[in-house]
Amino acid sequence: MMKLKSEVGITFDDMTKTFVFEGINPDKVKKVTSRHFPTLLGENKWNSIGSAILDRCGLLEREDIDPYYMVRGAIGELLVQEYVERQYKSAKIEGIEVKRFTPKDVGWDMFKKNVRFGGVVDLAITAPPERRAVIEVKSKSMKDKTWIAGKGNYPTEEVMQGLFLGVMSKVNKTIMSYVFFSPDTEASIRAYCDKNGYDESVASDYIKAHNLDPFDTQKVVIHMKSFSLDDGKTGSDIEQQMEKAHERLQRSVENKGIWKDNFSEEEQAYLMDIIKRTGGKEGEKIAKQFSEDDLPF
């Protein structure tokens, strides 16, 4: 559940059915990143369009995330890196290089020259040139394996993230890599972190200490699915969707308002409660020009 910063002023415009936020500053709006890209298009079942806009405007409190998932994610990336290298070498593909990128090494944005879009690639096949690809890694519990790997239900928002980074990296292919951890392995990772700390740097130490092999299917299963960006249409479609996401963000910034239906019902109730508790001007008519997409009919 999103949490608005306490200093943010908010009113509700009953005429256009929008929440108006006084703290939106066009000069401080952040880029559309791979993580926010599908959310801004309404393709994330966990987060709303409105919450993504507020996040990019810097109006939300920092969300606390269980550090276990960051460590598990880092372990997943390291396992996939070794898995891909070994698979390609066993296929007699020479000169394969798989590089891992982390916020510690490249910051929170690898595309600093792009003023509108950004993000960080998990892994990339950097050589040979004809094999260049982005590898998007998602760590999961083993219970999800049948639904995703067995039935091919790849979460839309995750695939969109990977394709976004593929377009940004100008490669012809994005490889979605799902790492499914057994219950015992997950418990072992948490126990190890409880003893050694939850910094992502413990990931490589855990792999060495437990001789965790990416091909040991009793402990971990890696499933990979390739998505082509070389057919012309896919890359073009993603670029158009990126433009739409950016335009939606900018439109809300310019009007300092977000249509109420871009929030979940729970979030709408939360924002209305803030207005009532803080004496906000609920129902005030604020003259704003919105496009047809922002109006309820």
C-alpha atoms as a PDB file:
ATOM      1  CA  MET A   1       0.000   0.000   0.000  1.00  0.00           C
ATOM      2  CA  MET A   2       1.422   3.357  -1.049  1.00  0.00           C
ATOM      3  CA  LYS A   3       2.065   6.039   1.574  1.00  0.00           C
ATOM      4  CA  LEU A   4       1.971   9.714   0.639  1.00  0.00           C
ATOM      5  CA  LYS A   5       4.607  12.004   2.147  1.00  0.00           C
ATOM      6  CA  SER A   6       3.072  14.031   4.970  1.00  0.00           C
ATOM      7  CA  GLU A   7       4.012  17.412   3.485  1.00  0.00           C
ATOM      8  CA  VAL A   8       2.134  16.812   0.225  1.00  0.00           C
ATOM      9  CA  GLY A   9      -1.007  18.922  -0.161  1.00  0.00           C
ATOM     10  CA  ILE A  10      -3.985  17.185  -1.754  1.00  0.00           C
ATOM     11  CA  THR A  11      -7.492  18.130  -2.859  1.00  0.00           C
ATOM     12  CA  PHE A  12     -10.163  16.405  -4.917  1.00  0.00           C
ATOM     13  CA  ASP A  13     -11.690  17.992  -8.013  1.00  0.00           C
ATOM     14  CA  ASP A  14     -15.249  16.660  -8.212  1.00  0.00           C
ATOM     15  CA  MET A  15     -15.756  18.071 -11.715  1.00  0.00           C
ATOM     16  CA  THR A  16     -12.971  16.056 -13.367  1.00  0.00           C
ATOM     17  CA  LYS A  17     -12.847  13.299 -10.730  1.00  0.00           C
ATOM     18  CA  THR A  18      -9.154  13.870 -10.121  1.00  0.00           C
ATOM     19  CA  PHE A  19      -6.909  14.080  -7.104  1.00  0.00           C
ATOM     20  CA  VAL A  20      -4.809  17.245  -7.289  1.00  0.00           C
ATOM     21  CA  PHE A  21      -1.376  17.182  -5.627  1.00  0.00           C
ATOM     22  CA  GLU A  22       0.270  20.471  -4.703  1.00  0.00           C
ATOM     23  CA  GLY A  23       3.693  18.866  -4.393  1.00  0.00           C
ATOM     24  CA  ILE A  24       4.106  17.910  -8.054  1.00  0.00           C
ATOM     25  CA  ASN A  25       7.127  19.795  -9.393  1.00  0.00           C
ATOM     26  CA  PRO A  26       7.853  19.384 -13.141  1.00  0.00           C
ATOM     27  CA  ASP A  27      11.544  20.045 -12.500  1.00  0.00           C
ATOM     28  CA  LYS A  28      11.866  17.088 -10.121  1.00  0.00           C
ATOM     29  CA  VAL A  29      10.039  14.364 -12.020  1.00  0.00           C
ATOM     30  CA  LYS A  30      12.089  11.197 -12.405  1.00  0.00           C
ATOM     31  CA  LYS A  31      12.504   9.104 -15.539  1.00  0.00           C
ATOM     32  CA  VAL A  32      10.247   6.292 -16.658  1.00  0.00           C
ATOM     33  CA  THR A  33      12.227   3.200 -15.668  1.00  0.00           C
ATOM     34  CA  SER A  34      11.804  -0.418 -16.671  1.00  0.00           C
ATOM     35  CA  ARG A  35      10.112  -1.101 -13.327  1.00  0.00           C
ATOM     36  CA  HIS A  36       7.570   1.706 -13.716  1.00  0.00           C
ATOM     37  CA  PHE A  37       7.003   1.282 -17.467  1.00  0.00           C
ATOM     38  CA  PRO A  38       4.345  -1.494 -17.294  1.00  0.00           C
ATOM     39  CA  THR A  39       2.751   0.045 -14.194  1.00  0.00           C
ATOM     40  CA  LEU A  40       2.186   3.383 -15.934  1.00  0.00           C
ATOM     41  CA  LEU A  41       0.328   1.462 -18.653  1.00  0.00           C
ATOM     42  CA  GLY A  42      -1.884  -0.376 -16.167  1.00  0.00           C
ATOM     43  CA  GLU A  43      -0.152  -3.720 -16.733  1.00  0.00           C
ATOM     44  CA  ASN A  44       0.906  -4.349 -13.129  1.00  0.00           C
ATOM     45  CA  LYS A  45      -1.646  -6.183 -10.994  1.00  0.00           C
ATOM     46  CA  TRP A  46       0.205  -5.241  -7.804  1.00  0.00           C
ATOM     47  CA  ASN A  47       0.622  -1.480  -8.285  1.00  0.00           C
ATOM     48  CA  SER A  48      -1.660   1.179  -9.738  1.00  0.00           C
ATOM     49  CA  ILE A  49      -1.010   3.763 -12.440  1.00  0.00           C
ATOM     50  CA  GLY A  50      -1.536   6.512  -9.878  1.00  0.00           C
ATOM     51  CA  SER A  51       1.016   5.106  -7.454  1.00  0.00           C
ATOM     52  CA  ALA A  52       3.601   4.947 -10.266  1.00  0.00           C
ATOM     53  CA  ILE A  53       2.971   8.595 -11.165  1.00  0.00           C
ATOM     54  CA  LEU A  54       3.302   9.684  -7.527  1.00  0.00           C
ATOM     55  CA  ASP A  55       6.487   7.643  -7.181  1.00  0.00           C
ATOM     56  CA  ARG A  56       8.068   9.269 -10.256  1.00  0.00           C
ATOM     57  CA  CYS A  57       7.075  12.664  -8.820  1.00  0.00           C
ATOM     58  CA  GLY A  58       8.838  11.835  -5.546  1.00  0.00           C
ATOM     59  CA  LEU A  59       5.678  12.147  -3.457  1.00  0.00           C
ATOM     60  CA  LEU A  60       5.664   8.703  -1.825  1.00  0.00           C
ATOM     61  CA  GLU A  61       7.479   7.498   1.264  1.00  0.00           C
ATOM     62  CA  ARG A  62      10.140   4.882   0.617  1.00  0.00           C
ATOM     63  CA  GLU A  63       8.628   1.409   0.659  1.00  0.00           C
ATOM     64  CA  ASP A  64      10.217  -1.100   3.013  1.00  0.00           C
ATOM     65  CA  ILE A  65      11.135  -4.324   1.223  1.00  0.00           C
ATOM     66  CA  ASP A  66      12.222  -7.507   2.949  1.00  0.00           C
ATOM     67  CA  PRO A  67      15.988  -7.561   2.235  1.00  0.00           C
ATOM     68  CA  TYR A  68      15.782 -11.340   1.853  1.00  0.00           C
ATOM     69  CA  TYR A  69      14.276 -10.863  -1.597  1.00  0.00           C
ATOM     70  CA  MET A  70      17.166  -8.645  -2.668  1.00  0.00           C
ATOM     71  CA  VAL A  71      19.656 -11.308  -1.581  1.00  0.00           C
ATOM     72  CA  ARG A  72      17.645 -14.072  -3.253  1.00  0.00           C
ATOM     73  CA  GLY A  73      17.523 -11.948  -6.403  1.00  0.00           C
ATOM     74  CA  ALA A  74      21.288 -11.436  -6.363  1.00  0.00           C
ATOM     75  CA  ILE A  75      21.830 -15.179  -5.908  1.00  0.00           C
ATOM     76  CA  GLY A  76      19.515 -15.782  -8.856  1.00  0.00           C
ATOM     77  CA  GLU A  77      21.489 -13.419 -11.082  1.00  0.00           C
ATOM     78  CA  LEU A  78      24.800 -15.084 -10.210  1.00  0.00           C
ATOM     79  CA  LEU A  79      23.361 -18.543 -10.866  1.00  0.00           C
ATOM     80  CA  VAL A  80      21.924 -17.485 -14.230  1.00  0.00           C
ATOM     81  CA  GLN A  81      25.248 -15.924 -15.207  1.00  0.00           C
ATOM     82  CA  GLU A  82      27.040 -19.230 -14.606  1.00  0.00           C
ATOM     83  CA  TYR A  83      24.187 -21.229 -16.169  1.00  0.00           C
ATOM     84  CA  VAL A  84      24.274 -19.266 -19.436  1.00  0.00           C
ATOM     85  CA  GLU A  85      28.061 -19.374 -19.714  1.00  0.00           C
ATOM     86  CA  ARG A  86      28.116 -23.144 -19.226  1.00  0.00           C
ATOM     87  CA  GLN A  87      25.210 -23.753 -21.586  1.00  0.00           C
ATOM     88  CA  TYR A  88      26.734 -21.736 -24.408  1.00  0.00           C
ATOM     89  CA  LYS A  89      30.152 -23.329 -23.945  1.00  0.00           C
ATOM     90  CA  SER A  90      28.617 -26.806 -23.992  1.00  0.00           C
ATOM     91  CA  ALA A  91      27.023 -25.818 -27.309  1.00  0.00           C
ATOM     92  CA  LYS A  92      30.532 -24.986 -28.615  1.00  0.00           C
ATOM     93  CA  ILE A  93      29.782 -21.271 -28.927  1.00  0.00           C
ATOM     94  CA  GLU A  94      33.159 -19.577 -28.561  1.00  0.00           C
ATOM     95  CA  GLY A  95      33.912 -16.262 -26.916  1.00  0.00           C
ATOM     96  CA  ILE A  96      30.725 -16.069 -24.869  1.00  0.00           C
ATOM     97  CA  GLU A  97      30.764 -13.310 -22.268  1.00  0.00           C
ATOM     98  CA  VAL A  98      27.982 -12.676 -19.777  1.00  0.00           C
ATOM     99  CA  LYS A  99      28.247  -9.502 -17.725  1.00  0.00           C
ATOM    100  CA  ARG A 100      26.326  -8.677 -14.560  1.00  0.00           C
ATOM    101  CA  PHE A 101      25.349  -5.116 -13.639  1.00  0.00           C
ATOM    102  CA  THR A 102      24.449  -3.907 -10.150  1.00  0.00           C
ATOM    103  CA  PRO A 103      23.413  -0.518  -8.754  1.00  0.00           C
ATOM    104  CA  LYS A 104      26.635  -0.567  -6.750  1.00  0.00           C
ATOM    105  CA  ASP A 105      28.643  -0.705  -9.983  1.00  0.00           C
ATOM    106  CA  VAL A 106      26.556   1.405 -12.385  1.00  0.00           C
ATOM    107  CA  GLY A 107      24.232   3.382 -10.109  1.00  0.00           C
ATOM    108  CA  TRP A 108      20.466   3.133 -10.348  1.00  0.00           C
ATOM    109  CA  ASP A 109      20.454   4.091 -14.019  1.00  0.00           C
ATOM    110  CA  MET A 110      22.636   2.731 -16.835  1.00  0.00           C
ATOM    111  CA  PHE A 111      21.188   5.115 -19.412  1.00  0.00           C
ATOM    112  CA  LYS A 112      22.224   8.450 -17.972  1.00  0.00           C
ATOM    113  CA  LYS A 113      22.260  10.249 -21.338  1.00  0.00           C
ATOM    114  CA  ASN A 114      18.596   9.456 -21.935  1.00  0.00           C
ATOM    115  CA  VAL A 115      16.550  12.201 -20.276  1.00  0.00           C
ATOM    116  CA  ARG A 116      13.231  10.310 -20.345  1.00  0.00           C
ATOM    117  CA  PHE A 117      13.898   6.602 -19.825  1.00  0.00           C
ATOM    118  CA  GLY A 118      16.254   4.621 -17.610  1.00  0.00           C
ATOM    119  CA  GLY A 119      16.924   1.468 -15.647  1.00  0.00           C
ATOM    120  CA  VAL A 120      19.500  -1.202 -14.892  1.00  0.00           C
ATOM    121  CA  VAL A 121      20.030  -4.423 -16.845  1.00  0.00           C
ATOM    122  CA  ASP A 122      20.490  -7.524 -14.676  1.00  0.00           C
ATOM    123  CA  LEU A 123      22.718  -9.462 -17.065  1.00  0.00           C
ATOM    124  CA  ALA A 124      23.779  -9.077 -20.667  1.00  0.00           C
ATOM    125  CA  ILE A 125      25.463 -11.291 -23.215  1.00  0.00           C
ATOM    126  CA  THR A 126      28.094  -8.834 -24.408  1.00  0.00           C
ATOM    127  CA  ALA A 127      30.069 -11.084 -26.761  1.00  0.00           C
ATOM    128  CA  PRO A 128      30.298 -12.362 -29.403  1.00  0.00           C
ATOM    129  CA  PRO A 129      28.518  -9.429 -31.131  1.00  0.00           C
ATOM    130  CA  GLU A 130      25.954 -11.610 -32.904  1.00  0.00           C
ATOM    131  CA  ARG A 131      24.846 -13.065 -29.552  1.00  0.00           C
ATOM    132  CA  ARG A 132      24.258  -9.759 -27.762  1.00  0.00           C
ATOM    133  CA  ALA A 133      21.147  -9.914 -25.578  1.00  0.00           C
ATOM    134  CA  VAL A 134      19.621  -8.585 -22.380  1.00  0.00           C
ATOM    135  CA  ILE A 135      18.903 -11.163 -19.676  1.00  0.00           C
ATOM    136  CA  GLU A 136      16.153 -10.193 -17.226  1.00  0.00           C
ATOM    137  CA  VAL A 137      16.294 -12.363 -14.093  1.00  0.00           C
ATOM    138  CA  LYS A 138      13.322 -13.062 -11.830  1.00  0.00           C
ATOM    139  CA  SER A 139      13.730 -15.130  -8.674  1.00  0.00           C
ATOM    140  CA  LYS A 140      10.697 -17.143  -7.570  1.00  0.00           C
ATOM    141  CA  SER A 141       9.589 -19.819  -5.137  1.00  0.00           C
ATOM    142  CA  MET A 142       9.389 -23.355  -6.510  1.00  0.00           C
ATOM    143  CA  LYS A 143       5.589 -23.339  -6.138  1.00  0.00           C
ATOM    144  CA  ASP A 144       5.431 -20.904  -9.081  1.00  0.00           C
ATOM    145  CA  LYS A 145       7.325 -23.179 -11.470  1.00  0.00           C
ATOM    146  CA  THR A 146       4.355 -25.091 -12.905  1.00  0.00           C
ATOM    147  CA  TRP A 147       2.350 -21.938 -13.614  1.00  0.00           C
ATOM    148  CA  ILE A 148       5.214 -20.029 -15.244  1.00  0.00           C
ATOM    149  CA  ALA A 149       7.622 -22.580 -16.709  1.00  0.00           C
ATOM    150  CA  GLY A 150       5.178 -25.448 -17.130  1.00  0.00           C
ATOM    151  CA  LYS A 151       2.209 -23.545 -18.559  1.00  0.00           C
ATOM    152  CA  GLY A 152       4.046 -20.611 -20.099  1.00  0.00           C
ATOM    153  CA  ASN A 153       2.280 -17.927 -18.067  1.00  0.00           C
ATOM    154  CA  TYR A 154       5.028 -15.330 -18.100  1.00  0.00           C
ATOM    155  CA  PRO A 155       3.883 -12.303 -16.049  1.00  0.00           C
ATOM    156  CA  THR A 156       3.137  -9.481 -18.493  1.00  0.00           C
ATOM    157  CA  GLU A 157       4.723  -6.750 -16.385  1.00  0.00           C
ATOM    158  CA  GLU A 158       7.957  -8.744 -16.055  1.00  0.00           C
ATOM    159  CA  VAL A 159       8.243  -9.435 -19.779  1.00  0.00           C
ATOM    160  CA  MET A 160       7.541  -5.759 -20.508  1.00  0.00           C
ATOM    161  CA  GLN A 161      10.404  -4.793 -18.197  1.00  0.00           C
ATOM    162  CA  GLY A 162      12.755  -7.093 -20.069  1.00  0.00           C
ATOM    163  CA  LEU A 163      11.661  -5.857 -23.505  1.00  0.00           C
ATOM    164  CA  PHE A 164      11.994  -2.238 -22.358  1.00  0.00           C
ATOM    165  CA  LEU A 165      15.622  -2.878 -21.357  1.00  0.00           C
ATOM    166  CA  GLY A 166      16.226  -4.735 -24.624  1.00  0.00           C
ATOM    167  CA  VAL A 167      15.028  -1.743 -26.638  1.00  0.00           C
ATOM    168  CA  MET A 168      17.086   0.624 -24.504  1.00  0.00           C
ATOM    169  CA  SER A 169      20.177  -1.560 -25.010  1.00  0.00           C
ATOM    170  CA  LYS A 170      19.616  -1.822 -28.774  1.00  0.00           C
ATOM    171  CA  VAL A 171      19.781  -5.620 -28.829  1.00  0.00           C
ATOM    172  CA  ASN A 172      17.773  -8.066 -30.915  1.00  0.00           C
ATOM    173  CA  LYS A 173      16.730 -10.325 -28.068  1.00  0.00           C
ATOM    174  CA  THR A 174      15.631 -10.293 -24.440  1.00  0.00           C
ATOM    175  CA  ILE A 175      15.949 -13.520 -22.473  1.00  0.00           C
ATOM    176  CA  MET A 176      13.622 -13.869 -19.495  1.00  0.00           C
ATOM    177  CA  SER A 177      15.301 -16.077 -16.897  1.00  0.00           C
ATOM    178  CA  TYR A 178      13.251 -17.472 -14.039  1.00  0.00           C
ATOM    179  CA  VAL A 179      15.045 -18.970 -11.049  1.00  0.00           C
ATOM    180  CA  PHE A 180      12.835 -21.187  -8.889  1.00  0.00           C
ATOM    181  CA  PHE A 181      14.180 -21.933  -5.393  1.00  0.00           C
ATOM    182  CA  SER A 182      13.118 -24.984  -3.386  1.00  0.00           C
ATOM    183  CA  PRO A 183      11.594 -24.364   0.085  1.00  0.00           C
ATOM    184  CA  ASP A 184      14.696 -25.810   1.769  1.00  0.00           C
ATOM    185  CA  THR A 185      16.995 -23.545  -0.247  1.00  0.00           C
ATOM    186  CA  GLU A 186      14.891 -20.487   0.572  1.00  0.00           C
ATOM    187  CA  ALA A 187      14.986 -21.352   4.268  1.00  0.00           C
ATOM    188  CA  SER A 188      18.743 -21.878   4.018  1.00  0.00           C
ATOM    189  CA  ILE A 189      19.262 -18.472   2.375  1.00  0.00           C
ATOM    190  CA  ARG A 190      17.255 -16.697   5.077  1.00  0.00           C
ATOM    191  CA  ALA A 191      19.107 -18.536   7.851  1.00  0.00           C
ATOM    192  CA  TYR A 192      22.456 -17.638   6.270  1.00  0.00           C
ATOM    193  CA  CYS A 193      21.441 -13.991   6.035  1.00  0.00           C
ATOM    194  CA  ASP A 194      20.193 -13.956   9.626  1.00  0.00           C
ATOM    195  CA  LYS A 195      23.715 -14.948  10.622  1.00  0.00           C
ATOM    196  CA  ASN A 196      25.774 -12.968   8.097  1.00  0.00           C
ATOM    197  CA  GLY A 197      23.625  -9.963   7.254  1.00  0.00           C
ATOM    198  CA  TYR A 198      21.293  -9.071   4.414  1.00  0.00           C
ATOM    199  CA  ASP A 199      23.635  -7.062   2.235  1.00  0.00           C
ATOM    200  CA  GLU A 200      23.520  -8.234  -1.388  1.00  0.00           C
ATOM    201  CA  SER A 201      27.252  -8.952  -1.174  1.00  0.00           C
ATOM    202  CA  VAL A 202      26.504 -12.099   0.861  1.00  0.00           C
ATOM    203  CA  ALA A 203      24.958 -13.687  -2.244  1.00  0.00           C
ATOM    204  CA  SER A 204      28.250 -14.917  -3.695  1.00  0.00           C
ATOM    205  CA  ASP A 205      29.397 -16.050  -0.230  1.00  0.00           C
ATOM    206  CA  TYR A 206      26.241 -18.121   0.179  1.00  0.00           C
ATOM    207  CA  ILE A 207      26.709 -19.822  -3.203  1.00  0.00           C
ATOM    208  CA  LYS A 208      30.282 -20.782  -2.312  1.00  0.00           C
ATOM    209  CA  ALA A 209      29.459 -21.869   1.246  1.00  0.00           C
ATOM    210  CA  HIS A 210      26.640 -24.158   0.074  1.00  0.00           C
ATOM    211  CA  ASN A 211      28.166 -25.267  -3.252  1.00  0.00           C
ATOM    212  CA  LEU A 212      24.969 -24.155  -4.942  1.00  0.00           C
ATOM    213  CA  ASP A 213      25.084 -25.287  -8.545  1.00  0.00           C
ATOM    214  CA  PRO A 214      22.688 -23.810 -11.148  1.00  0.00           C
ATOM    215  CA  PHE A 215      22.121 -27.309 -12.540  1.00  0.00           C
ATOM    216  CA  ASP A 216      21.200 -28.875  -9.165  1.00  0.00           C
ATOM    217  CA  THR A 217      17.460 -29.141  -9.783  1.00  0.00           C
ATOM    218  CA  GLN A 218      16.803 -30.411  -6.256  1.00  0.00           C
ATOM    219  CA  LYS A 219      17.696 -26.959  -4.970  1.00  0.00           C
ATOM    220  CA  VAL A 220      17.037 -24.620  -7.874  1.00  0.00           C
ATOM    221  CA  VAL A 221      15.463 -24.765 -11.331  1.00  0.00           C
ATOM    222  CA  ILE A 222      16.352 -22.225 -14.026  1.00  0.00           C
ATOM    223  CA  HIS A 223      13.941 -21.688 -16.896  1.00  0.00           C
ATOM    224  CA  MET A 224      14.698 -19.372 -19.802  1.00  0.00           C
ATOM    225  CA  LYS A 225      12.407 -17.919 -22.452  1.00  0.00           C
ATOM    226  CA  SER A 226      13.693 -15.849 -25.366  1.00  0.00           C
ATOM    227  CA  PHE A 227      11.732 -12.901 -26.803  1.00  0.00           C
ATOM    228  CA  SER A 228      12.818 -11.531 -30.161  1.00  0.00           C
ATOM    229  CA  LEU A 229      13.114  -7.815 -30.834  1.00  0.00           C
ATOM    230  CA  ASP A 230      14.400  -8.478 -34.337  1.00  0.00           C
ATOM    231  CA  ASP A 231      11.068  -8.779 -36.126  1.00  0.00           C
ATOM    232  CA  GLY A 232      10.631  -5.008 -36.327  1.00  0.00           C
ATOM    233  CA  LYS A 233       7.128  -5.070 -34.872  1.00  0.00           C
ATOM    234  CA  THR A 234       7.934  -5.993 -31.273  1.00  0.00           C
ATOM    235  CA  GLY A 235      10.572  -3.313 -30.843  1.00  0.00           C
ATOM    236  CA  SER A 236       8.336  -0.729 -32.508  1.00  0.00           C
ATOM    237  CA  ASP A 237       5.397  -1.687 -30.291  1.00  0.00           C
ATOM    238  CA  ILE A 238       7.502  -1.356 -27.144  1.00  0.00           C
ATOM    239  CA  GLU A 239       8.808   2.032 -28.260  1.00  0.00           C
ATOM    240  CA  GLN A 240       5.244   3.233 -28.817  1.00  0.00           C
ATOM    241  CA  GLN A 241       4.223   1.962 -25.403  1.00  0.00           C
ATOM    242  CA  MET A 242       7.209   3.722 -23.850  1.00  0.00           C
ATOM    243  CA  GLU A 243       6.052   6.974 -25.437  1.00  0.00           C
ATOM    244  CA  LYS A 244       2.543   6.422 -24.104  1.00  0.00           C
ATOM    245  CA  ALA A 245       3.835   5.780 -20.582  1.00  0.00           C
ATOM    246  CA  HIS A 246       5.966   8.934 -20.684  1.00  0.00           C
ATOM    247  CA  GLU A 247       3.089  11.018 -22.057  1.00  0.00           C
ATOM    248  CA  ARG A 248       0.764   9.766 -19.314  1.00  0.00           C
ATOM    249  CA  LEU A 249       3.282  10.762 -16.664  1.00  0.00           C
ATOM    250  CA  GLN A 250       3.896  14.174 -18.214  1.00  0.00           C
ATOM    251  CA  ARG A 251       0.175  14.896 -18.614  1.00  0.00           C
ATOM    252  CA  SER A 252      -0.423  14.310 -14.915  1.00  0.00           C
ATOM    253  CA  VAL A 253       2.622  16.433 -14.042  1.00  0.00           C
ATOM    254  CA  GLU A 254       1.437  19.331 -16.178  1.00  0.00           C
ATOM    255  CA  ASN A 255      -2.051  19.239 -14.666  1.00  0.00           C
ATOM    256  CA  LYS A 256      -0.843  18.276 -11.180  1.00  0.00           C
ATOM    257  CA  GLY A 257      -3.759  15.875 -11.090  1.00  0.00           C
ATOM    258  CA  ILE A 258      -4.386  12.122 -11.377  1.00  0.00           C
ATOM    259  CA  TRP A 259      -7.747  10.683 -12.382  1.00  0.00           C
ATOM    260  CA  LYS A 260      -9.238   8.796  -9.428  1.00  0.00           C
ATOM    261  CA  ASP A 261      -9.721   5.562 -11.393  1.00  0.00           C
ATOM    262  CA  ASN A 262      -5.966   5.395 -11.892  1.00  0.00           C
ATOM    263  CA  PHE A 263      -5.851   4.411  -8.215  1.00  0.00           C
ATOM    264  CA  SER A 264      -7.172   1.217  -6.652  1.00  0.00           C
ATOM    265  CA  GLU A 265     -10.340   1.479  -4.547  1.00  0.00           C
ATOM    266  CA  GLU A 266      -8.217   1.060  -1.424  1.00  0.00           C
ATOM    267  CA  GLU A 267      -5.913   3.893  -2.513  1.00  0.00           C
ATOM    268  CA  GLN A 268      -8.871   6.148  -3.343  1.00  0.00           C
ATOM    269  CA  ALA A 269     -10.257   5.614   0.160  1.00  0.00           C
ATOM    270  CA  TYR A 270      -6.816   6.332   1.628  1.00  0.00           C
ATOM    271  CA  LEU A 271      -6.478   9.631  -0.275  1.00  0.00           C
ATOM    272  CA  MET A 272     -10.024  10.712   0.592  1.00  0.00           C
ATOM    273  CA  ASP A 273      -9.306   9.983   4.231  1.00  0.00           C
ATOM    274  CA  ILE A 274      -6.243  12.246   4.096  1.00  0.00           C
ATOM    275  CA  ILE A 275      -8.368  15.043   2.648  1.00  0.00           C
ATOM    276  CA  LYS A 276     -10.975  14.670   5.379  1.00  0.00           C
ATOM    277  CA  ARG A 277      -8.462  14.415   8.222  1.00  0.00           C
ATOM    278  CA  THR A 278      -6.379  17.377   7.086  1.00  0.00           C
ATOM    279  CA  GLY A 279      -9.269  19.677   6.215  1.00  0.00           C
ATOM    280  CA  GLY A 280      -8.613  19.490   2.491  1.00  0.00           C
ATOM    281  CA  LYS A 281     -10.940  21.130   0.017  1.00  0.00           C
ATOM    282  CA  GLU A 282     -12.752  18.003  -1.060  1.00  0.00           C
ATOM    283  CA  GLY A 283     -15.154  18.752  -3.875  1.00  0.00           C
ATOM    284  CA  GLU A 284     -13.491  22.035  -4.820  1.00  0.00           C
ATOM    285  CA  LYS A 285     -13.905  22.817  -8.518  1.00  0.00           C
ATOM    286  CA  ILE A 286     -10.470  23.315 -10.002  1.00  0.00           C
ATOM    287  CA  ALA A 287     -10.394  24.380 -13.654  1.00  0.00           C
ATOM    288  CA  LYS A 288      -8.040  22.002 -15.432  1.00  0.00           C
ATOM    289  CA  GLN A 289      -7.771  20.840 -19.016  1.00  0.00           C
ATOM    290  CA  PHE A 290      -7.517  17.069 -19.306  1.00  0.00           C
ATOM    291  CA  SER A 291      -7.400  14.913 -22.402  1.00  0.00           C
ATOM    292  CA  GLU A 292     -10.209  12.481 -23.148  1.00  0.00           C
ATOM    293  CA  ASP A 293      -8.156   9.631 -21.704  1.00  0.00           C
ATOM    294  CA  ASP A 294      -8.301  11.248 -18.287  1.00  0.00           C
ATOM    295  CA  LEU A 295     -12.056  11.812 -18.196  1.00  0.00           C
ATOM    296  CA  PRO A 296     -14.446   9.099 -16.942  1.00  0.00           C
ATOM    297  CA  PHE A 297     -16.731   9.322 -20.022  1.00  0.00           C
END
